Amino acid sequence: MLVAGCSTGNESSGSPSTTAASFSDPANGPAADFSAPAPSPLPPKELAEVEAASAGGCEALDGARCLLPFPSDAFTVKDPVSETGRRVALPTGQLANLEGTTLDPTEWNRNDGFSPGSAPMALFPDVDLAASGAAEIGRIEDSL
C-alpha cells in the first residue's frame, strides 16, 4: 500500500499540522492497528552477549570493530541541556594511526548528534562484491 499526501496550495499556517489516518482493507475488515508492539526483554544469554560485545563503549553489533556500524545512536548519551536531548559520546582509545596514537574524541563529543549527511559505514565480511556487480572504489562511474 502506498500512502501519499499533499496540500491544497502554497498557503502556510506557520506551524505544521498533524493528521491521523485510518486505513481500512475491505478484504480484512476495519482499520488496522499500526501501533508498535511493546518491546520484550532479551533472554539472559542474549543480553550477556550484547553486554560483552559492547564492553568498553563499543557498538554491540560489531565488537571486533568498535566503531562500526557508524554513525550509531550507541555512541550518544542523553543530555537534557542540548537542543536534541542527545550528546555524542565516542569512546577513547579508538582509531589508532600508524604510530599507534589514538583519536582524541573530545571535539566530536561536544556535538549534539551526528550529521544527517554522514555516510553510513559498516562491514559485511561475507558479501562477494565481484558477484554483486558493485562498482569498485576506483570506478565509481560504474555505479551510475
Protein backbone atom coordinates (compact mmCIF):
# COMPACT_ATOMS: atom_id res chain seq x y z
CA MET A 1 0.00 0.00 0.00
CA LEU A 2 1.28 3.46 -0.89
CA VAL A 3 0.01 6.47 1.01
CA ALA A 4 0.79 9.98 -0.17
CA GLY A 5 -0.37 13.41 0.83
CA CYS A 6 -0.29 16.93 -0.48
CA SER A 7 -1.54 20.38 0.39
CA THR A 8 -4.20 22.36 -1.41
CA GLY A 9 -1.86 25.17 -2.33
CA ASN A 10 1.09 27.26 -1.26
CA GLU A 11 -0.56 28.60 1.88
CA SER A 12 1.33 28.25 5.12
CA SER A 13 -0.23 28.48 8.54
CA GLY A 14 3.18 29.00 10.11
CA SER A 15 3.04 25.74 12.04
CA PRO A 16 2.95 22.13 10.93
CA SER A 17 -0.27 20.19 11.30
CA THR A 18 -0.76 16.59 12.25
CA THR A 19 -3.40 14.40 10.68
CA ALA A 20 -4.36 10.98 11.95
CA ALA A 21 -5.15 8.42 9.29
CA SER A 22 -7.31 5.34 9.44
CA PHE A 23 -6.82 2.60 6.88
CA SER A 24 -9.44 0.04 6.00
CA ASP A 25 -8.93 -3.06 3.93
CA PRO A 26 -12.22 -4.40 2.56
CA ALA A 27 -10.79 -7.92 2.42
CA ASN A 28 -9.61 -7.91 6.04
CA GLY A 29 -12.19 -5.80 7.81
CA PRO A 30 -11.95 -2.45 9.62
CA ALA A 31 -8.94 -0.21 10.13
CA ALA A 32 -5.70 -1.93 11.04
CA ASP A 33 -3.77 -1.08 14.20
CA PHE A 34 -0.40 0.37 13.17
CA SER A 35 0.92 0.92 16.71
CA ALA A 36 4.31 -0.55 17.55
CA PRO A 37 4.31 -3.70 19.66
CA ALA A 38 5.59 -3.44 23.22
CA PRO A 39 9.31 -4.22 23.43
CA SER A 40 10.21 -7.52 25.01
CA PRO A 41 13.37 -8.03 27.09
CA LEU A 42 16.21 -10.12 25.72
CA PRO A 43 16.72 -13.57 27.19
CA PRO A 44 19.59 -13.57 29.76
CA LYS A 45 22.06 -15.36 27.44
CA GLU A 46 21.50 -12.91 24.57
CA LEU A 47 21.63 -9.94 26.94
CA ALA A 48 25.02 -11.15 28.26
CA GLU A 49 26.32 -11.45 24.67
CA VAL A 50 25.22 -7.89 23.83
CA GLU A 51 26.76 -6.52 27.03
CA ALA A 52 30.05 -8.35 26.35
CA ALA A 53 30.16 -7.09 22.75
CA SER A 54 29.55 -3.50 23.87
CA ALA A 55 32.13 -3.55 26.68
CA GLY A 56 34.43 -0.56 26.63
CA GLY A 57 31.90 1.67 24.88
CA CYS A 58 31.94 -0.24 21.59
CA GLU A 59 28.92 -0.68 19.30
CA ALA A 60 27.36 -4.05 20.17
CA LEU A 61 26.68 -5.02 16.53
CA ASP A 62 30.40 -5.43 15.73
CA GLY A 63 32.53 -5.92 18.84
CA ALA A 64 35.64 -6.67 16.73
CA ARG A 65 35.49 -3.24 15.06
CA CYS A 66 34.43 -1.00 17.91
CA LEU A 67 33.11 1.97 15.92
CA LEU A 68 31.12 0.05 13.28
CA PRO A 69 28.45 0.49 12.19
CA PHE A 70 28.89 4.26 12.18
CA PRO A 71 27.22 6.59 12.89
CA SER A 72 25.23 4.86 15.60
CA ASP A 73 23.00 6.07 18.40
CA ALA A 74 25.04 3.70 20.58
CA PHE A 75 27.65 6.50 20.56
CA THR A 76 25.31 9.09 22.07
CA VAL A 77 24.09 9.72 25.59
CA LYS A 78 21.10 11.62 26.99
CA ASP A 79 21.84 15.31 27.52
CA PRO A 80 18.90 17.35 28.80
CA VAL A 81 20.62 20.68 28.06
CA SER A 82 21.36 20.02 24.38
CA GLU A 83 18.83 21.07 21.74
CA THR A 84 18.42 17.47 20.56
CA GLY A 85 18.43 15.89 24.01
CA ARG A 86 21.48 13.81 22.99
CA ARG A 87 25.26 14.26 23.05
CA VAL A 88 27.91 12.33 21.09
CA ALA A 89 29.98 10.06 23.36
CA LEU A 90 32.68 8.36 21.28
CA PRO A 91 34.92 6.03 23.32
CA THR A 92 38.58 6.86 23.80
CA GLY A 93 41.36 4.56 22.60
CA GLN A 94 39.99 4.08 19.06
CA LEU A 95 41.25 4.75 15.53
CA ALA A 96 44.99 4.49 16.04
CA ASN A 97 47.27 5.97 13.38
CA LEU A 98 50.45 4.26 12.11
CA GLU A 99 52.39 5.34 15.22
CA GLY A 100 49.69 3.91 17.49
CA THR A 101 48.35 7.29 18.63
CA THR A 102 44.59 7.08 19.05
CA LEU A 103 41.94 9.62 18.16
CA ASP A 104 41.04 12.18 20.82
CA PRO A 105 37.20 12.30 20.61
CA THR A 106 36.83 15.46 22.75
CA GLU A 107 35.74 17.77 19.92
CA TRP A 108 33.28 15.23 18.46
CA ASN A 109 31.86 14.58 21.93
CA ARG A 110 30.75 18.23 22.13
CA ASN A 111 28.23 17.64 19.29
CA ASP A 112 24.52 17.15 19.94
CA GLY A 113 24.32 14.30 17.44
CA PHE A 114 25.68 13.10 14.14
CA SER A 115 25.22 14.98 10.89
CA PRO A 116 22.28 13.72 8.82
CA GLY A 117 24.72 13.86 5.88
CA SER A 118 27.11 11.33 7.45
CA ALA A 119 27.89 8.44 5.15
CA PRO A 120 26.97 5.21 6.95
CA MET A 121 29.84 2.78 7.35
CA ALA A 122 29.58 -0.93 8.10
CA LEU A 123 31.49 -4.11 7.37
CA PHE A 124 29.80 -7.01 5.60
CA PRO A 125 32.55 -9.67 5.52
CA ASP A 126 30.60 -12.30 3.59
CA VAL A 127 29.49 -10.06 0.71
CA ASP A 128 31.04 -11.03 -2.63
CA LEU A 129 31.46 -7.65 -4.33
CA ALA A 130 32.51 -9.20 -7.65
CA ALA A 131 29.36 -11.32 -7.75
CA SER A 132 27.18 -8.38 -6.70
CA GLY A 133 28.36 -6.16 -9.53
CA ALA A 134 29.10 -3.30 -7.13
CA ALA A 135 31.31 -0.55 -8.50
CA GLU A 136 34.93 -0.66 -7.31
CA ILE A 137 36.30 2.28 -5.34
CA GLY A 138 38.35 3.49 -8.33
CA ARG A 139 35.45 3.06 -10.79
CA ILE A 140 32.55 4.91 -9.19
CA GLU A 141 31.21 5.75 -12.67
CA ASP A 142 30.22 2.08 -12.99
CA SER A 143 27.54 2.73 -10.38
CA LEU A 144 25.89 5.49 -12.39
